[in-house]
Amino acid sequence: MNETEQLLEQVTDRVRNSARRYERRGKTLPGPLDTGEITRAEAILGFALPPLLASLYTCVGDGGFGPVQGLLPLRQAVLAYGERRSSGWRWPEGVLPVADFGCGLDACVDCRSETAQVLLFDPNPGEPELAWSIDAPSLAGWLHGWLDGSAWFCEESGLGEECDLELAPWDAFRSRI
């Protein structure tokens, strides 16, 4: 089993445990998508999803799991990308919003990055150039941070609450608008 398969298995196990809590409240997590839905989404977006992100949607489920409120369902992520690209924020090409952290903050996957780096979009500074930072160098690393509780957005880490979060700015912003 390779690293990606191991990571998908860990995410699936965590989701199964979370699903039991949802079911007790009368809710269910969405099931996996078929590859045709990934192909349709990619055609609308005009770019391919990173393999790990596509695998999350086809092997684990169509959102609802993951950090904070969970991954967006793919259709919602595609719609959000289209809306943001047509907004006044000069949304960068190939940067797909994948999770809503509240207060305007979004976790986004840079689909043009070899590692599928995860970016944090924070419109609160008011300037597009200041709104982007690197949350994790890779989607795999971002997921590992969620799984082991070490990421800033995990309650158990204390990083988001106890210290000022200092993320590196995303310097590629200007080249992607």
N, C-alpha and C. Protein backbone atom coordinates (compact mmCIF):
# COMPACT_ATOMS: atom_id res chain seq x y z
N MET A 1 0.85 -1.17 0.00
CA MET A 1 0.00 0.00 0.00
C MET A 1 0.91 1.24 0.00
N ASN A 2 0.65 2.19 -0.93
CA ASN A 2 1.48 3.39 -0.99
C ASN A 2 0.97 4.45 0.00
N GLU A 3 1.70 5.56 0.10
CA GLU A 3 1.37 6.60 1.08
C GLU A 3 -0.03 7.19 0.86
N THR A 4 -0.38 7.41 -0.40
CA THR A 4 -1.70 7.98 -0.70
C THR A 4 -2.80 7.02 -0.28
N GLU A 5 -2.63 5.74 -0.57
CA GLU A 5 -3.62 4.74 -0.18
C GLU A 5 -3.75 4.66 1.34
N GLN A 6 -2.61 4.75 2.03
CA GLN A 6 -2.64 4.73 3.50
C GLN A 6 -3.39 5.95 4.04
N LEU A 7 -3.12 7.12 3.44
CA LEU A 7 -3.79 8.34 3.87
C LEU A 7 -5.29 8.24 3.62
N LEU A 8 -5.68 7.76 2.46
CA LEU A 8 -7.11 7.60 2.16
C LEU A 8 -7.77 6.64 3.14
N GLU A 9 -7.05 5.59 3.52
CA GLU A 9 -7.59 4.63 4.50
C GLU A 9 -7.76 5.31 5.87
N GLN A 10 -6.78 6.12 6.28
CA GLN A 10 -6.89 6.83 7.55
C GLN A 10 -8.07 7.81 7.54
N VAL A 11 -8.22 8.53 6.44
CA VAL A 11 -9.34 9.48 6.32
C VAL A 11 -10.65 8.71 6.36
N THR A 12 -10.73 7.61 5.63
CA THR A 12 -11.95 6.80 5.60
C THR A 12 -12.31 6.30 7.00
N ASP A 13 -11.31 5.82 7.75
CA ASP A 13 -11.56 5.36 9.12
C ASP A 13 -12.10 6.49 9.99
N ARG A 14 -11.48 7.66 9.88
CA ARG A 14 -11.94 8.81 10.67
C ARG A 14 -13.36 9.20 10.28
N VAL A 15 -13.66 9.15 8.99
CA VAL A 15 -14.99 9.50 8.51
C VAL A 15 -16.02 8.48 9.00
N ARG A 16 -15.67 7.21 8.99
CA ARG A 16 -16.59 6.19 9.50
C ARG A 16 -16.95 6.47 10.95
N ASN A 17 -15.95 6.82 11.75
CA ASN A 17 -16.22 7.13 13.16
C ASN A 17 -17.09 8.38 13.28
N SER A 18 -16.83 9.39 12.46
CA SER A 18 -17.64 10.61 12.47
C SER A 18 -19.06 10.31 12.00
N ALA A 19 -19.18 9.42 11.02
CA ALA A 19 -20.50 9.10 10.46
C ALA A 19 -21.41 8.53 11.53
N ARG A 20 -20.85 7.76 12.43
CA ARG A 20 -21.67 7.20 13.52
C ARG A 20 -22.26 8.30 14.39
N ARG A 21 -21.47 9.36 14.64
CA ARG A 21 -21.99 10.49 15.43
C ARG A 21 -23.08 11.23 14.66
N TYR A 22 -22.90 11.39 13.34
CA TYR A 22 -23.92 12.04 12.52
C TYR A 22 -25.21 11.24 12.53
N GLU A 23 -25.08 9.92 12.40
CA GLU A 23 -26.25 9.06 12.34
C GLU A 23 -27.05 9.13 13.64
N ARG A 24 -26.38 9.28 14.75
CA ARG A 24 -27.09 9.41 16.04
C ARG A 24 -27.92 10.68 16.09
N ARG A 25 -27.54 11.68 15.29
CA ARG A 25 -28.29 12.94 15.22
C ARG A 25 -29.24 12.96 14.02
N GLY A 26 -29.39 11.81 13.35
CA GLY A 26 -30.31 11.70 12.24
C GLY A 26 -29.78 12.24 10.92
N LYS A 27 -28.47 12.42 10.83
CA LYS A 27 -27.86 12.91 9.60
C LYS A 27 -26.98 11.82 8.99
N THR A 28 -26.73 11.94 7.70
CA THR A 28 -25.79 11.03 7.04
C THR A 28 -24.79 11.84 6.22
N LEU A 29 -23.60 11.31 6.11
CA LEU A 29 -22.59 11.93 5.27
C LEU A 29 -22.81 11.47 3.83
N PRO A 30 -22.53 12.36 2.87
CA PRO A 30 -22.70 11.97 1.46
C PRO A 30 -21.76 10.83 1.07
N GLY A 31 -22.22 9.99 0.18
CA GLY A 31 -21.41 8.89 -0.32
C GLY A 31 -20.41 9.37 -1.37
N PRO A 32 -19.54 8.48 -1.79
CA PRO A 32 -18.55 8.82 -2.81
C PRO A 32 -19.21 9.14 -4.16
N LEU A 33 -18.49 9.93 -4.95
CA LEU A 33 -18.92 10.26 -6.31
C LEU A 33 -18.34 9.24 -7.28
N ASP A 34 -18.93 9.16 -8.46
CA ASP A 34 -18.30 8.32 -9.49
C ASP A 34 -17.34 9.18 -10.31
N THR A 35 -16.47 8.55 -11.04
CA THR A 35 -15.44 9.27 -11.78
C THR A 35 -16.04 10.19 -12.85
N GLY A 36 -17.22 9.85 -13.34
CA GLY A 36 -17.88 10.72 -14.32
C GLY A 36 -18.21 12.09 -13.74
N GLU A 37 -18.55 12.12 -12.46
CA GLU A 37 -18.83 13.42 -11.82
C GLU A 37 -17.56 14.25 -11.67
N ILE A 38 -16.45 13.59 -11.44
CA ILE A 38 -15.16 14.29 -11.39
C ILE A 38 -14.85 14.86 -12.77
N THR A 39 -15.04 14.06 -13.81
CA THR A 39 -14.78 14.50 -15.18
C THR A 39 -15.64 15.71 -15.54
N ARG A 40 -16.92 15.67 -15.18
CA ARG A 40 -17.82 16.81 -15.46
C ARG A 40 -17.38 18.06 -14.71
N ALA A 41 -17.00 17.90 -13.46
CA ALA A 41 -16.53 19.05 -12.67
C ALA A 41 -15.28 19.65 -13.29
N GLU A 42 -14.35 18.80 -13.70
CA GLU A 42 -13.11 19.28 -14.32
C GLU A 42 -13.39 20.01 -15.63
N ALA A 43 -14.38 19.54 -16.38
CA ALA A 43 -14.73 20.22 -17.63
C ALA A 43 -15.28 21.61 -17.35
N ILE A 44 -16.07 21.75 -16.31
CA ILE A 44 -16.62 23.07 -15.93
C ILE A 44 -15.50 23.98 -15.44
N LEU A 45 -14.63 23.44 -14.60
CA LEU A 45 -13.55 24.23 -14.01
C LEU A 45 -12.50 24.63 -15.05
N GLY A 46 -12.25 23.77 -16.00
CA GLY A 46 -11.21 24.02 -16.99
C GLY A 46 -9.84 23.55 -16.54
N PHE A 47 -9.77 22.75 -15.50
CA PHE A 47 -8.51 22.17 -15.02
C PHE A 47 -8.83 20.88 -14.27
N ALA A 48 -7.81 20.03 -14.16
CA ALA A 48 -7.96 18.75 -13.46
C ALA A 48 -7.83 18.94 -11.95
N LEU A 49 -8.55 18.13 -11.22
CA LEU A 49 -8.36 18.09 -9.77
C LEU A 49 -7.10 17.30 -9.47
N PRO A 50 -6.36 17.68 -8.45
CA PRO A 50 -5.22 16.86 -8.04
C PRO A 50 -5.71 15.44 -7.71
N PRO A 51 -4.90 14.43 -8.01
CA PRO A 51 -5.33 13.04 -7.79
C PRO A 51 -5.83 12.77 -6.37
N LEU A 52 -5.16 13.29 -5.34
CA LEU A 52 -5.60 13.04 -3.98
C LEU A 52 -6.97 13.66 -3.72
N LEU A 53 -7.20 14.86 -4.19
CA LEU A 53 -8.51 15.50 -3.99
C LEU A 53 -9.60 14.71 -4.72
N ALA A 54 -9.33 14.31 -5.95
CA ALA A 54 -10.30 13.50 -6.69
C ALA A 54 -10.58 12.19 -5.95
N SER A 55 -9.54 11.58 -5.39
CA SER A 55 -9.71 10.33 -4.65
C SER A 55 -10.53 10.53 -3.38
N LEU A 56 -10.38 11.66 -2.73
CA LEU A 56 -11.21 11.93 -1.55
C LEU A 56 -12.69 11.91 -1.94
N TYR A 57 -12.99 12.54 -3.07
CA TYR A 57 -14.38 12.59 -3.52
C TYR A 57 -14.89 11.25 -4.04
N THR A 58 -14.04 10.45 -4.67
CA THR A 58 -14.50 9.18 -5.25
C THR A 58 -14.35 7.99 -4.30
N CYS A 59 -13.48 8.08 -3.32
CA CYS A 59 -13.25 6.94 -2.41
C CYS A 59 -13.85 7.15 -1.02
N VAL A 60 -13.90 8.40 -0.57
CA VAL A 60 -14.37 8.67 0.79
C VAL A 60 -15.80 9.20 0.77
N GLY A 61 -16.04 10.31 0.09
CA GLY A 61 -17.39 10.86 0.04
C GLY A 61 -17.41 12.25 -0.55
N ASP A 62 -18.59 12.71 -0.86
CA ASP A 62 -18.78 14.02 -1.47
C ASP A 62 -18.87 15.10 -0.41
N GLY A 63 -17.80 15.27 0.33
CA GLY A 63 -17.71 16.34 1.32
C GLY A 63 -18.37 15.98 2.64
N GLY A 64 -18.38 16.99 3.53
CA GLY A 64 -18.97 16.82 4.85
C GLY A 64 -18.00 16.27 5.89
N PHE A 65 -16.83 15.85 5.48
CA PHE A 65 -15.82 15.33 6.41
C PHE A 65 -14.58 16.21 6.29
N GLY A 66 -13.77 16.20 7.33
CA GLY A 66 -12.54 16.97 7.30
C GLY A 66 -12.56 18.10 8.30
N PRO A 67 -11.61 19.02 8.18
CA PRO A 67 -11.47 20.11 9.14
C PRO A 67 -12.71 21.00 9.23
N VAL A 68 -12.93 21.52 10.41
CA VAL A 68 -13.98 22.48 10.74
C VAL A 68 -15.32 21.91 10.27
N GLN A 69 -15.96 22.50 9.27
CA GLN A 69 -17.25 22.02 8.80
C GLN A 69 -17.12 20.96 7.71
N GLY A 70 -15.91 20.60 7.37
CA GLY A 70 -15.67 19.55 6.40
C GLY A 70 -15.49 20.08 4.99
N LEU A 71 -15.06 19.18 4.12
CA LEU A 71 -14.91 19.52 2.71
C LEU A 71 -16.26 19.90 2.12
N LEU A 72 -16.22 20.85 1.22
CA LEU A 72 -17.42 21.21 0.49
C LEU A 72 -17.78 20.07 -0.46
N PRO A 73 -19.08 19.84 -0.68
CA PRO A 73 -19.44 18.92 -1.76
C PRO A 73 -18.83 19.46 -3.06
N LEU A 74 -18.46 18.57 -3.96
CA LEU A 74 -17.76 18.98 -5.17
C LEU A 74 -18.56 20.00 -5.97
N ARG A 75 -19.84 19.78 -6.13
CA ARG A 75 -20.65 20.73 -6.89
C ARG A 75 -20.61 22.12 -6.26
N GLN A 76 -20.66 22.17 -4.94
CA GLN A 76 -20.60 23.46 -4.23
C GLN A 76 -19.24 24.12 -4.43
N ALA A 77 -18.17 23.33 -4.41
CA ALA A 77 -16.82 23.87 -4.62
C ALA A 77 -16.69 24.44 -6.04
N VAL A 78 -17.24 23.75 -7.02
CA VAL A 78 -17.19 24.21 -8.40
C VAL A 78 -17.97 25.52 -8.55
N LEU A 79 -19.16 25.58 -7.95
CA LEU A 79 -19.95 26.82 -8.00
C LEU A 79 -19.22 27.97 -7.31
N ALA A 80 -18.63 27.68 -6.16
CA ALA A 80 -17.91 28.71 -5.42
C ALA A 80 -16.73 29.23 -6.24
N TYR A 81 -16.03 28.35 -6.93
CA TYR A 81 -14.91 28.77 -7.78
C TYR A 81 -15.40 29.73 -8.87
N GLY A 82 -16.47 29.36 -9.54
CA GLY A 82 -17.01 30.22 -10.59
C GLY A 82 -17.44 31.58 -10.07
N GLU A 83 -18.10 31.59 -8.91
CA GLU A 83 -18.53 32.85 -8.30
C GLU A 83 -17.33 33.72 -7.93
N ARG A 84 -16.33 33.10 -7.36
CA ARG A 84 -15.16 33.86 -6.91
C ARG A 84 -14.35 34.40 -8.09
N ARG A 85 -14.27 33.60 -9.16
CA ARG A 85 -13.53 34.06 -10.35
C ARG A 85 -14.19 35.28 -10.97
N SER A 86 -15.51 35.40 -10.82
CA SER A 86 -16.21 36.54 -11.41
C SER A 86 -16.40 37.68 -10.40
N SER A 87 -15.85 37.53 -9.21
CA SER A 87 -16.00 38.57 -8.18
C SER A 87 -14.89 39.62 -8.33
N GLY A 88 -14.98 40.66 -7.54
CA GLY A 88 -13.97 41.71 -7.55
C GLY A 88 -12.69 41.35 -6.83
N TRP A 89 -12.60 40.14 -6.30
CA TRP A 89 -11.42 39.74 -5.53
C TRP A 89 -10.27 39.24 -6.39
N ARG A 90 -10.44 39.21 -7.70
CA ARG A 90 -9.40 38.71 -8.59
C ARG A 90 -8.92 37.32 -8.14
N TRP A 91 -9.86 36.40 -8.10
CA TRP A 91 -9.58 35.05 -7.65
C TRP A 91 -8.60 34.37 -8.60
N PRO A 92 -7.54 33.74 -8.07
CA PRO A 92 -6.52 33.12 -8.92
C PRO A 92 -7.04 31.89 -9.67
N GLU A 93 -6.52 31.72 -10.87
CA GLU A 93 -6.88 30.55 -11.68
C GLU A 93 -6.38 29.27 -11.01
N GLY A 94 -7.22 28.25 -11.05
CA GLY A 94 -6.83 26.94 -10.55
C GLY A 94 -6.84 26.77 -9.05
N VAL A 95 -7.38 27.74 -8.31
CA VAL A 95 -7.42 27.66 -6.85
C VAL A 95 -8.86 27.38 -6.43
N LEU A 96 -9.10 26.15 -6.02
CA LEU A 96 -10.45 25.67 -5.72
C LEU A 96 -10.75 25.76 -4.23
N PRO A 97 -11.80 26.51 -3.84
CA PRO A 97 -12.19 26.50 -2.43
C PRO A 97 -12.72 25.11 -2.05
N VAL A 98 -12.21 24.56 -0.97
CA VAL A 98 -12.63 23.22 -0.58
C VAL A 98 -13.22 23.14 0.82
N ALA A 99 -13.02 24.16 1.65
CA ALA A 99 -13.58 24.13 3.00
C ALA A 99 -13.84 25.55 3.48
N ASP A 100 -14.99 25.73 4.11
CA ASP A 100 -15.39 27.02 4.67
C ASP A 100 -15.04 27.00 6.15
N PHE A 101 -14.13 27.89 6.56
CA PHE A 101 -13.73 27.97 7.96
C PHE A 101 -14.53 29.01 8.73
N GLY A 102 -15.47 29.67 8.08
CA GLY A 102 -16.26 30.71 8.74
C GLY A 102 -15.54 32.04 8.73
N CYS A 103 -16.26 33.11 9.02
CA CYS A 103 -15.72 34.48 9.05
C CYS A 103 -15.03 34.86 7.74
N GLY A 104 -15.49 34.28 6.63
CA GLY A 104 -14.92 34.59 5.33
C GLY A 104 -13.69 33.77 4.97
N LEU A 105 -13.17 32.98 5.90
CA LEU A 105 -11.97 32.19 5.65
C LEU A 105 -12.30 30.92 4.87
N ASP A 106 -11.51 30.66 3.84
CA ASP A 106 -11.66 29.44 3.05
C ASP A 106 -10.33 28.74 2.94
N ALA A 107 -10.36 27.42 3.05
CA ALA A 107 -9.20 26.61 2.68
C ALA A 107 -9.38 26.27 1.22
N CYS A 108 -8.32 26.43 0.44
CA CYS A 108 -8.38 26.24 -1.01
C CYS A 108 -7.22 25.36 -1.44
N VAL A 109 -7.46 24.55 -2.46
CA VAL A 109 -6.40 23.72 -3.01
C VAL A 109 -5.92 24.35 -4.30
N ASP A 110 -4.60 24.54 -4.39
CA ASP A 110 -3.99 25.04 -5.61
C ASP A 110 -3.86 23.84 -6.55
N CYS A 111 -4.79 23.73 -7.47
CA CYS A 111 -4.84 22.58 -8.38
C CYS A 111 -3.73 22.59 -9.41
N ARG A 112 -2.97 23.67 -9.50
CA ARG A 112 -1.82 23.72 -10.41
C ARG A 112 -0.53 23.34 -9.72
N SER A 113 -0.56 23.23 -8.43
CA SER A 113 0.64 22.87 -7.66
C SER A 113 0.84 21.36 -7.71
N GLU A 114 2.08 20.94 -7.88
CA GLU A 114 2.39 19.50 -7.92
C GLU A 114 1.98 18.80 -6.64
N THR A 115 2.06 19.50 -5.52
CA THR A 115 1.72 18.90 -4.23
C THR A 115 0.30 19.22 -3.79
N ALA A 116 -0.44 19.94 -4.62
CA ALA A 116 -1.79 20.38 -4.26
C ALA A 116 -1.73 21.17 -2.94
N GLN A 117 -0.86 22.18 -2.92
CA GLN A 117 -0.72 22.96 -1.69
C GLN A 117 -2.07 23.55 -1.29
N VAL A 118 -2.24 23.71 0.01
CA VAL A 118 -3.48 24.26 0.54
C VAL A 118 -3.23 25.70 0.95
N LEU A 119 -4.07 26.58 0.44
CA LEU A 119 -3.97 28.01 0.70
C LEU A 119 -5.10 28.44 1.60
N LEU A 120 -4.86 29.45 2.38
CA LEU A 120 -5.91 30.04 3.20
C LEU A 120 -6.26 31.39 2.60
N PHE A 121 -7.54 31.56 2.31
CA PHE A 121 -8.05 32.83 1.81
C PHE A 121 -8.73 33.54 2.96
N ASP A 122 -8.24 34.73 3.28
CA ASP A 122 -8.78 35.55 4.36
C ASP A 122 -9.02 36.96 3.82
N PRO A 123 -10.28 37.28 3.46
CA PRO A 123 -10.55 38.59 2.87
C PRO A 123 -10.53 39.73 3.88
N ASN A 124 -10.40 39.41 5.16
CA ASN A 124 -10.54 40.44 6.20
C ASN A 124 -9.51 41.57 6.13
N PRO A 125 -8.29 41.36 5.62
CA PRO A 125 -7.38 42.51 5.48
C PRO A 125 -7.88 43.53 4.45
N GLY A 126 -8.77 43.10 3.53
CA GLY A 126 -9.36 44.04 2.59
C GLY A 126 -8.63 44.18 1.27
N GLU A 127 -7.44 43.66 1.14
CA GLU A 127 -6.65 43.75 -0.08
C GLU A 127 -6.43 42.35 -0.65
N PRO A 128 -6.73 42.13 -1.95
CA PRO A 128 -6.52 40.79 -2.52
C PRO A 128 -5.11 40.25 -2.32
N GLU A 129 -4.09 41.09 -2.44
CA GLU A 129 -2.72 40.62 -2.30
C GLU A 129 -2.42 40.13 -0.88
N LEU A 130 -3.14 40.65 0.10
CA LEU A 130 -2.90 40.27 1.50
C LEU A 130 -3.81 39.13 1.97
N ALA A 131 -4.72 38.71 1.10
CA ALA A 131 -5.73 37.73 1.49
C ALA A 131 -5.24 36.28 1.42
N TRP A 132 -4.09 36.05 0.82
CA TRP A 132 -3.64 34.69 0.55
C TRP A 132 -2.40 34.31 1.35
N SER A 133 -2.46 33.13 1.96
CA SER A 133 -1.30 32.58 2.65
C SER A 133 -1.27 31.07 2.44
N ILE A 134 -0.12 30.48 2.70
CA ILE A 134 0.04 29.04 2.56
C ILE A 134 -0.34 28.37 3.87
N ASP A 135 -1.40 27.57 3.82
CA ASP A 135 -1.86 26.85 5.01
C ASP A 135 -1.04 25.57 5.19
N ALA A 136 -0.79 24.86 4.10
CA ALA A 136 0.02 23.64 4.15
C ALA A 136 0.69 23.45 2.79
N PRO A 137 1.92 22.98 2.77
CA PRO A 137 2.63 22.80 1.51
C PRO A 137 2.00 21.74 0.60
N SER A 138 1.15 20.87 1.18
CA SER A 138 0.51 19.83 0.37
C SER A 138 -0.84 19.47 0.97
N LEU A 139 -1.72 18.96 0.11
CA LEU A 139 -3.02 18.48 0.59
C LEU A 139 -2.82 17.30 1.53
N ALA A 140 -1.85 16.45 1.21
CA ALA A 140 -1.58 15.31 2.10
C ALA A 140 -1.16 15.79 3.48
N GLY A 141 -0.28 16.77 3.55
CA GLY A 141 0.16 17.30 4.85
C GLY A 141 -0.99 17.96 5.60
N TRP A 142 -1.86 18.65 4.88
CA TRP A 142 -3.02 19.30 5.49
C TRP A 142 -3.94 18.25 6.12
N LEU A 143 -4.15 17.16 5.39
CA LEU A 143 -4.99 16.07 5.92
C LEU A 143 -4.33 15.39 7.11
N HIS A 144 -3.00 15.19 7.05
CA HIS A 144 -2.30 14.60 8.20
C HIS A 144 -2.46 15.50 9.43
N GLY A 145 -2.34 16.82 9.25
CA GLY A 145 -2.53 17.76 10.36
C GLY A 145 -3.91 17.65 10.98
N TRP A 146 -4.93 17.44 10.14
CA TRP A 146 -6.29 17.25 10.64
C TRP A 146 -6.41 15.92 11.38
N LEU A 147 -5.85 14.87 10.79
CA LEU A 147 -5.96 13.55 11.39
C LEU A 147 -5.27 13.45 12.74
N ASP A 148 -4.08 14.06 12.85
CA ASP A 148 -3.35 13.94 14.12
C ASP A 148 -3.60 15.10 15.09
N GLY A 149 -4.42 16.07 14.66
CA GLY A 149 -4.80 17.17 15.55
C GLY A 149 -3.75 18.25 15.71
N SER A 150 -2.71 18.24 14.85
CA SER A 150 -1.63 19.21 15.01
C SER A 150 -1.83 20.49 14.20
N ALA A 151 -2.80 20.52 13.31
CA ALA A 151 -3.02 21.71 12.47
C ALA A 151 -3.64 22.83 13.30
N TRP A 152 -3.41 24.07 12.88
CA TRP A 152 -3.88 25.23 13.64
C TRP A 152 -5.39 25.24 13.79
N PHE A 153 -6.12 24.66 12.85
CA PHE A 153 -7.58 24.69 12.89
C PHE A 153 -8.18 23.61 13.78
N CYS A 154 -7.35 22.74 14.35
CA CYS A 154 -7.83 21.69 15.24
C CYS A 154 -7.88 22.22 16.67
N GLU A 155 -9.00 22.03 17.32
CA GLU A 155 -9.15 22.51 18.70
C GLU A 155 -8.07 21.97 19.61
N GLU A 156 -7.72 20.71 19.43
CA GLU A 156 -6.73 20.11 20.32
C GLU A 156 -5.32 20.67 20.15
N SER A 157 -5.04 21.32 19.02
CA SER A 157 -3.69 21.85 18.82
C SER A 157 -3.46 23.13 19.60
N GLY A 158 -4.49 23.93 19.78
CA GLY A 158 -4.36 25.20 20.49
C GLY A 158 -3.66 26.29 19.69
N LEU A 159 -3.17 25.98 18.52
CA LEU A 159 -2.41 26.96 17.74
C LEU A 159 -3.27 28.13 17.26
N GLY A 160 -4.48 27.86 16.87
CA GLY A 160 -5.34 28.92 16.36
C GLY A 160 -5.83 29.86 17.43
N GLU A 161 -5.84 29.42 18.69
CA GLU A 161 -6.37 30.21 19.79
C GLU A 161 -5.29 30.90 20.62
N GLU A 162 -4.23 30.16 20.91
CA GLU A 162 -3.28 30.64 21.90
C GLU A 162 -2.16 31.53 21.35
N CYS A 163 -1.97 31.55 20.06
CA CYS A 163 -0.92 32.38 19.51
C CYS A 163 -1.39 32.99 18.21
N ASP A 164 -0.77 34.06 17.84
CA ASP A 164 -1.09 34.67 16.56
C ASP A 164 -0.59 33.75 15.46
N LEU A 165 -1.49 33.41 14.57
CA LEU A 165 -1.15 32.51 13.49
C LEU A 165 -0.33 33.27 12.45
N GLU A 166 0.86 32.83 12.21
CA GLU A 166 1.75 33.45 11.24
C GLU A 166 1.96 32.50 10.08
N LEU A 167 1.16 32.66 9.05
CA LEU A 167 1.30 31.84 7.86
C LEU A 167 2.10 32.60 6.82
N ALA A 168 2.86 31.86 6.02
CA ALA A 168 3.65 32.49 4.96
C ALA A 168 2.72 33.02 3.87
N PRO A 169 2.98 34.22 3.37
CA PRO A 169 2.16 34.73 2.27
C PRO A 169 2.35 33.87 1.03
N TRP A 170 1.31 33.81 0.22
CA TRP A 170 1.38 33.07 -1.04
C TRP A 170 1.85 34.03 -2.10
N ASP A 171 3.11 33.94 -2.47
CA ASP A 171 3.72 34.88 -3.40
C ASP A 171 3.27 34.70 -4.84
N ALA A 172 2.69 33.56 -5.19
CA ALA A 172 2.29 33.30 -6.58
C ALA A 172 0.98 33.98 -6.95
N PHE A 173 0.36 34.69 -6.00
CA PHE A 173 -0.95 35.30 -6.26
C PHE A 173 -0.96 36.14 -7.53
N ARG A 174 -0.05 37.08 -7.64
CA ARG A 174 -0.04 38.02 -8.78
C ARG A 174 0.10 37.31 -10.13
N SER A 175 0.85 36.24 -10.16
CA SER A 175 1.06 35.54 -11.43
C SER A 175 -0.14 34.70 -11.85
N ARG A 176 -1.13 34.55 -10.98
CA ARG A 176 -2.24 33.65 -11.26
C ARG A 176 -3.57 34.37 -11.48
N ILE A 177 -3.61 35.68 -11.40
CA ILE A 177 -4.87 36.39 -11.60
C ILE A 177 -5.09 36.78 -13.05
